[in-house]
Amino acid sequence: IETGGARGRKPYSAIIRAVNTEDYMTARPLRVPWTMLRRVSSRILNGNLSLSTVYYDLTPKPPATIEFE
């Protein structure tokens, strides 16, 4: 996601969305330990110089909305 990149800031963010689905139409968020989320977000940020932020999406999704909006 492009975040605009104010003066001196990196212009992009990343979103982690771990879900469980049985039918690919609905999804429930997975319970991921915070230690793992911190480790993954650090690796993402350290590996990409254009990213400033990593978000974790915890929302469930009803039918027909699996993709991020």
PDB file of N, CA and C in Angstrom:
ATOM      1  N   ILE A   1       0.849  -1.170   0.000  1.00  0.00           N
ATOM      2  CA  ILE A   1       0.000   0.000   0.000  1.00  0.00           C
ATOM      3  C   ILE A   1       0.893   1.230   0.000  1.00  0.00           C
ATOM      4  N   GLU A   2       0.615   2.168  -0.883  1.00  0.00           N
ATOM      5  CA  GLU A   2       1.382   3.406  -0.900  1.00  0.00           C
ATOM      6  C   GLU A   2       0.829   4.330   0.179  1.00  0.00           C
ATOM      7  N   THR A   3       1.733   4.843   1.019  1.00  0.00           N
ATOM      8  CA  THR A   3       1.309   5.675   2.145  1.00  0.00           C
ATOM      9  C   THR A   3       1.620   7.144   1.964  1.00  0.00           C
ATOM     10  N   GLY A   4       2.106   7.535   0.815  1.00  0.00           N
ATOM     11  CA  GLY A   4       2.315   8.948   0.544  1.00  0.00           C
ATOM     12  C   GLY A   4       3.737   9.428   0.698  1.00  0.00           C
ATOM     13  N   GLY A   5       4.481   8.894   1.636  1.00  0.00           N
ATOM     14  CA  GLY A   5       5.882   9.255   1.793  1.00  0.00           C
ATOM     15  C   GLY A   5       6.124  10.727   2.066  1.00  0.00           C
ATOM     16  N   ALA A   6       5.767  11.182   3.259  1.00  0.00           N
ATOM     17  CA  ALA A   6       6.057  12.564   3.642  1.00  0.00           C
ATOM     18  C   ALA A   6       7.567  12.774   3.654  1.00  0.00           C
ATOM     19  N   ARG A   7       8.001  14.001   3.759  1.00  0.00           N
ATOM     20  CA  ARG A   7       9.427  14.328   3.706  1.00  0.00           C
ATOM     21  C   ARG A   7      10.276  13.359   4.514  1.00  0.00           C
ATOM     22  N   GLY A   8      11.201  12.690   3.847  1.00  0.00           N
ATOM     23  CA  GLY A   8      12.122  11.792   4.516  1.00  0.00           C
ATOM     24  C   GLY A   8      11.556  10.447   4.916  1.00  0.00           C
ATOM     25  N   ARG A   9      10.296  10.208   4.656  1.00  0.00           N
ATOM     26  CA  ARG A   9       9.686   8.935   5.033  1.00  0.00           C
ATOM     27  C   ARG A   9       9.641   7.981   3.860  1.00  0.00           C
ATOM     28  N   LYS A  10       9.636   6.711   4.183  1.00  0.00           N
ATOM     29  CA  LYS A  10       9.515   5.681   3.156  1.00  0.00           C
ATOM     30  C   LYS A  10       8.054   5.610   2.721  1.00  0.00           C
ATOM     31  N   PRO A  11       7.784   5.410   1.436  1.00  0.00           N
ATOM     32  CA  PRO A  11       6.429   5.599   0.922  1.00  0.00           C
ATOM     33  C   PRO A  11       5.459   4.419   1.008  1.00  0.00           C
ATOM     34  N   TYR A  12       5.889   3.219   1.446  1.00  0.00           N
ATOM     35  CA  TYR A  12       4.992   2.067   1.376  1.00  0.00           C
ATOM     36  C   TYR A  12       4.836   1.367   2.718  1.00  0.00           C
ATOM     37  N   SER A  13       3.718   0.634   2.852  1.00  0.00           N
ATOM     38  CA  SER A  13       3.439  -0.213   4.006  1.00  0.00           C
ATOM     39  C   SER A  13       3.110  -1.607   3.509  1.00  0.00           C
ATOM     40  N   ALA A  14       3.266  -2.603   4.387  1.00  0.00           N
ATOM     41  CA  ALA A  14       2.904  -3.987   4.067  1.00  0.00           C
ATOM     42  C   ALA A  14       1.828  -4.432   5.052  1.00  0.00           C
ATOM     43  N   ILE A  15       1.017  -5.401   4.632  1.00  0.00           N
ATOM     44  CA  ILE A  15      -0.037  -5.930   5.487  1.00  0.00           C
ATOM     45  C   ILE A  15       0.102  -7.440   5.562  1.00  0.00           C
ATOM     46  N   ILE A  16       0.110  -7.961   6.791  1.00  0.00           N
ATOM     47  CA  ILE A  16       0.128  -9.409   7.015  1.00  0.00           C
ATOM     48  C   ILE A  16      -1.299  -9.821   7.332  1.00  0.00           C
ATOM     49  N   ARG A  17      -1.782 -10.815   6.631  1.00  0.00           N
ATOM     50  CA  ARG A  17      -3.135 -11.310   6.878  1.00  0.00           C
ATOM     51  C   ARG A  17      -3.114 -12.830   6.833  1.00  0.00           C
ATOM     52  N   ALA A  18      -3.017 -13.456   7.991  1.00  0.00           N
ATOM     53  CA  ALA A  18      -3.003 -14.911   8.087  1.00  0.00           C
ATOM     54  C   ALA A  18      -4.419 -15.384   8.396  1.00  0.00           C
ATOM     55  N   VAL A  19      -4.973 -16.193   7.511  1.00  0.00           N
ATOM     56  CA  VAL A  19      -6.351 -16.646   7.683  1.00  0.00           C
ATOM     57  C   VAL A  19      -6.457 -18.150   7.501  1.00  0.00           C
ATOM     58  N   ASN A  20      -7.559 -18.681   8.007  1.00  0.00           N
ATOM     59  CA  ASN A  20      -7.904 -20.081   7.819  1.00  0.00           C
ATOM     60  C   ASN A  20      -9.208 -20.122   7.035  1.00  0.00           C
ATOM     61  N   THR A  21      -9.219 -20.910   5.960  1.00  0.00           N
ATOM     62  CA  THR A  21     -10.436 -21.032   5.158  1.00  0.00           C
ATOM     63  C   THR A  21     -10.606 -22.473   4.704  1.00  0.00           C
ATOM     64  N   GLU A  22     -11.830 -22.884   4.596  1.00  0.00           N
ATOM     65  CA  GLU A  22     -12.131 -24.225   4.102  1.00  0.00           C
ATOM     66  C   GLU A  22     -12.741 -24.185   2.709  1.00  0.00           C
ATOM     67  N   ASP A  23     -13.322 -23.053   2.347  1.00  0.00           N
ATOM     68  CA  ASP A  23     -14.033 -22.981   1.071  1.00  0.00           C
ATOM     69  C   ASP A  23     -13.543 -21.843   0.164  1.00  0.00           C
ATOM     70  N   TYR A  24     -12.529 -21.110   0.599  1.00  0.00           N
ATOM     71  CA  TYR A  24     -11.976 -19.973  -0.160  1.00  0.00           C
ATOM     72  C   TYR A  24     -12.998 -18.867  -0.395  1.00  0.00           C
ATOM     73  N   MET A  25     -14.089 -18.905   0.337  1.00  0.00           N
ATOM     74  CA  MET A  25     -15.093 -17.844   0.232  1.00  0.00           C
ATOM     75  C   MET A  25     -15.179 -17.053   1.527  1.00  0.00           C
ATOM     76  N   THR A  26     -14.975 -17.728   2.646  1.00  0.00           N
ATOM     77  CA  THR A  26     -14.964 -17.067   3.947  1.00  0.00           C
ATOM     78  C   THR A  26     -13.626 -17.359   4.614  1.00  0.00           C
ATOM     79  N   ALA A  27     -13.253 -16.527   5.579  1.00  0.00           N
ATOM     80  CA  ALA A  27     -11.970 -16.733   6.251  1.00  0.00           C
ATOM     81  C   ALA A  27     -12.035 -16.251   7.689  1.00  0.00           C
ATOM     82  N   ARG A  28     -11.307 -16.966   8.548  1.00  0.00           N
ATOM     83  CA  ARG A  28     -11.164 -16.574   9.944  1.00  0.00           C
ATOM     84  C   ARG A  28      -9.693 -16.249  10.191  1.00  0.00           C
ATOM     85  N   PRO A  29      -9.392 -15.202  10.937  1.00  0.00           N
ATOM     86  CA  PRO A  29      -7.990 -14.872  11.208  1.00  0.00           C
ATOM     87  C   PRO A  29      -7.342 -15.946  12.075  1.00  0.00           C
ATOM     88  N   LEU A  30      -6.079 -16.240  11.801  1.00  0.00           N
ATOM     89  CA  LEU A  30      -5.318 -17.183  12.615  1.00  0.00           C
ATOM     90  C   LEU A  30      -4.755 -16.470  13.830  1.00  0.00           C
ATOM     91  N   ARG A  31      -4.600 -17.212  14.905  1.00  0.00           N
ATOM     92  CA  ARG A  31      -3.956 -16.661  16.100  1.00  0.00           C
ATOM     93  C   ARG A  31      -2.457 -16.868  15.953  1.00  0.00           C
ATOM     94  N   VAL A  32      -1.766 -15.805  15.632  1.00  0.00           N
ATOM     95  CA  VAL A  32      -0.320 -15.850  15.444  1.00  0.00           C
ATOM     96  C   VAL A  32       0.327 -15.207  16.671  1.00  0.00           C
ATOM     97  N   PRO A  33       1.296 -15.880  17.296  1.00  0.00           N
ATOM     98  CA  PRO A  33       1.948 -15.294  18.475  1.00  0.00           C
ATOM     99  C   PRO A  33       2.612 -13.956  18.145  1.00  0.00           C
ATOM    100  N   TRP A  34       2.533 -13.012  19.100  1.00  0.00           N
ATOM    101  CA  TRP A  34       3.122 -11.689  18.882  1.00  0.00           C
ATOM    102  C   TRP A  34       4.617 -11.774  18.613  1.00  0.00           C
ATOM    103  N   THR A  35       5.292 -12.732  19.234  1.00  0.00           N
ATOM    104  CA  THR A  35       6.736 -12.862  18.986  1.00  0.00           C
ATOM    105  C   THR A  35       7.004 -13.184  17.522  1.00  0.00           C
ATOM    106  N   MET A  36       6.166 -14.024  16.934  1.00  0.00           N
ATOM    107  CA  MET A  36       6.328 -14.354  15.520  1.00  0.00           C
ATOM    108  C   MET A  36       6.009 -13.144  14.642  1.00  0.00           C
ATOM    109  N   LEU A  37       4.953 -12.408  14.976  1.00  0.00           N
ATOM    110  CA  LEU A  37       4.604 -11.208  14.203  1.00  0.00           C
ATOM    111  C   LEU A  37       5.728 -10.180  14.245  1.00  0.00           C
ATOM    112  N   ARG A  38       6.333  -9.987  15.414  1.00  0.00           N
ATOM    113  CA  ARG A  38       7.459  -9.053  15.513  1.00  0.00           C
ATOM    114  C   ARG A  38       8.631  -9.518  14.657  1.00  0.00           C
ATOM    115  N   ARG A  39       8.921 -10.812  14.698  1.00  0.00           N
ATOM    116  CA  ARG A  39      10.034 -11.355  13.912  1.00  0.00           C
ATOM    117  C   ARG A  39       9.773 -11.203  12.415  1.00  0.00           C
ATOM    118  N   VAL A  40       8.568 -11.541  11.973  1.00  0.00           N
ATOM    119  CA  VAL A  40       8.224 -11.435  10.553  1.00  0.00           C
ATOM    120  C   VAL A  40       8.243  -9.979  10.097  1.00  0.00           C
ATOM    121  N   SER A  41       7.669  -9.087  10.894  1.00  0.00           N
ATOM    122  CA  SER A  41       7.649  -7.677  10.487  1.00  0.00           C
ATOM    123  C   SER A  41       9.057  -7.098  10.433  1.00  0.00           C
ATOM    124  N   SER A  42       9.922  -7.494  11.346  1.00  0.00           N
ATOM    125  CA  SER A  42      11.318  -7.024  11.297  1.00  0.00           C
ATOM    126  C   SER A  42      12.013  -7.499  10.032  1.00  0.00           C
ATOM    127  N   ARG A  43      11.797  -8.755   9.676  1.00  0.00           N
ATOM    128  CA  ARG A  43      12.415  -9.283   8.451  1.00  0.00           C
ATOM    129  C   ARG A  43      11.877  -8.575   7.215  1.00  0.00           C
ATOM    130  N   ILE A  44      10.586  -8.292   7.192  1.00  0.00           N
ATOM    131  CA  ILE A  44       9.997  -7.588   6.050  1.00  0.00           C
ATOM    132  C   ILE A  44      10.588  -6.182   5.939  1.00  0.00           C
ATOM    133  N   LEU A  45      10.627  -5.459   7.057  1.00  0.00           N
ATOM    134  CA  LEU A  45      11.139  -4.084   7.035  1.00  0.00           C
ATOM    135  C   LEU A  45      12.625  -4.027   6.706  1.00  0.00           C
ATOM    136  N   ASN A  46      13.400  -4.957   7.246  1.00  0.00           N
ATOM    137  CA  ASN A  46      14.840  -4.969   6.977  1.00  0.00           C
ATOM    138  C   ASN A  46      15.157  -5.394   5.551  1.00  0.00           C
ATOM    139  N   GLY A  47      14.254  -6.121   4.919  1.00  0.00           N
ATOM    140  CA  GLY A  47      14.494  -6.613   3.571  1.00  0.00           C
ATOM    141  C   GLY A  47      13.990  -5.709   2.465  1.00  0.00           C
ATOM    142  N   ASN A  48      13.285  -4.646   2.822  1.00  0.00           N
ATOM    143  CA  ASN A  48      12.732  -3.765   1.799  1.00  0.00           C
ATOM    144  C   ASN A  48      12.883  -2.314   2.238  1.00  0.00           C
ATOM    145  N   LEU A  49      13.733  -1.584   1.564  1.00  0.00           N
ATOM    146  CA  LEU A  49      14.035  -0.206   1.947  1.00  0.00           C
ATOM    147  C   LEU A  49      12.905   0.777   1.667  1.00  0.00           C
ATOM    148  N   SER A  50      11.878   0.367   0.911  1.00  0.00           N
ATOM    149  CA  SER A  50      10.760   1.267   0.601  1.00  0.00           C
ATOM    150  C   SER A  50       9.636   1.187   1.628  1.00  0.00           C
ATOM    151  N   LEU A  51       9.705   0.236   2.562  1.00  0.00           N
ATOM    152  CA  LEU A  51       8.628   0.054   3.534  1.00  0.00           C
ATOM    153  C   LEU A  51       8.903   0.805   4.827  1.00  0.00           C
ATOM    154  N   SER A  52       7.848   1.422   5.370  1.00  0.00           N
ATOM    155  CA  SER A  52       7.978   2.116   6.652  1.00  0.00           C
ATOM    156  C   SER A  52       7.180   1.447   7.760  1.00  0.00           C
ATOM    157  N   THR A  53       6.154   0.668   7.392  1.00  0.00           N
ATOM    158  CA  THR A  53       5.227   0.124   8.376  1.00  0.00           C
ATOM    159  C   THR A  53       4.747  -1.253   7.943  1.00  0.00           C
ATOM    160  N   VAL A  54       4.496  -2.135   8.939  1.00  0.00           N
ATOM    161  CA  VAL A  54       3.866  -3.428   8.680  1.00  0.00           C
ATOM    162  C   VAL A  54       2.624  -3.499   9.564  1.00  0.00           C
ATOM    163  N   TYR A  55       1.485  -3.781   8.956  1.00  0.00           N
ATOM    164  CA  TYR A  55       0.223  -3.919   9.674  1.00  0.00           C
ATOM    165  C   TYR A  55      -0.171  -5.388   9.724  1.00  0.00           C
ATOM    166  N   TYR A  56      -0.961  -5.762  10.743  1.00  0.00           N
ATOM    167  CA  TYR A  56      -1.485  -7.111  10.869  1.00  0.00           C
ATOM    168  C   TYR A  56      -3.003  -7.010  10.856  1.00  0.00           C
ATOM    169  N   ASP A  57      -3.631  -7.631   9.867  1.00  0.00           N
ATOM    170  CA  ASP A  57      -5.085  -7.576   9.691  1.00  0.00           C
ATOM    171  C   ASP A  57      -5.722  -8.756  10.418  1.00  0.00           C
ATOM    172  N   LEU A  58      -6.543  -8.479  11.422  1.00  0.00           N
ATOM    173  CA  LEU A  58      -7.202  -9.508  12.230  1.00  0.00           C
ATOM    174  C   LEU A  58      -8.669  -9.711  11.871  1.00  0.00           C
ATOM    175  N   THR A  59      -9.142  -9.081  10.834  1.00  0.00           N
ATOM    176  CA  THR A  59     -10.570  -9.110  10.541  1.00  0.00           C
ATOM    177  C   THR A  59     -10.995 -10.401   9.851  1.00  0.00           C
ATOM    178  N   PRO A  60     -12.156 -10.956  10.233  1.00  0.00           N
ATOM    179  CA  PRO A  60     -12.716 -12.081   9.491  1.00  0.00           C
ATOM    180  C   PRO A  60     -13.317 -11.545   8.196  1.00  0.00           C
ATOM    181  N   LYS A  61     -13.529 -12.422   7.257  1.00  0.00           N
ATOM    182  CA  LYS A  61     -14.087 -11.978   5.980  1.00  0.00           C
ATOM    183  C   LYS A  61     -15.317 -12.805   5.629  1.00  0.00           C
ATOM    184  N   PRO A  62     -16.417 -12.118   5.313  1.00  0.00           N
ATOM    185  CA  PRO A  62     -17.618 -12.810   4.854  1.00  0.00           C
ATOM    186  C   PRO A  62     -17.453 -13.254   3.402  1.00  0.00           C
ATOM    187  N   PRO A  63     -18.407 -13.999   2.866  1.00  0.00           N
ATOM    188  CA  PRO A  63     -18.304 -14.470   1.481  1.00  0.00           C
ATOM    189  C   PRO A  63     -18.026 -13.340   0.492  1.00  0.00           C
ATOM    190  N   ALA A  64     -17.225 -13.656  -0.508  1.00  0.00           N
ATOM    191  CA  ALA A  64     -16.904 -12.773  -1.638  1.00  0.00           C
ATOM    192  C   ALA A  64     -15.992 -11.605  -1.272  1.00  0.00           C
ATOM    193  N   THR A  65     -15.356 -11.639  -0.091  1.00  0.00           N
ATOM    194  CA  THR A  65     -14.450 -10.541   0.269  1.00  0.00           C
ATOM    195  C   THR A  65     -13.117 -11.054   0.807  1.00  0.00           C
ATOM    196  N   ILE A  66     -12.640 -12.174   0.320  1.00  0.00           N
ATOM    197  CA  ILE A  66     -11.384 -12.748   0.803  1.00  0.00           C
ATOM    198  C   ILE A  66     -10.206 -11.830   0.523  1.00  0.00           C
ATOM    199  N   GLU A  67     -10.165 -11.210  -0.641  1.00  0.00           N
ATOM    200  CA  GLU A  67      -9.028 -10.345  -0.969  1.00  0.00           C
ATOM    201  C   GLU A  67      -9.057  -9.079  -0.125  1.00  0.00           C
ATOM    202  N   PHE A  68      -7.877  -8.490   0.080  1.00  0.00           N
ATOM    203  CA  PHE A  68      -7.770  -7.279   0.887  1.00  0.00           C
ATOM    204  C   PHE A  68      -8.403  -6.106   0.151  1.00  0.00           C
ATOM    205  N   GLU A  69      -9.102  -5.270   0.881  1.00  0.00           N
ATOM    206  CA  GLU A  69      -9.740  -4.092   0.277  1.00  0.00           C
ATOM    207  C   GLU A  69      -9.205  -2.838   0.897  1.00  0.00           C
TER     208      GLU A  69
END
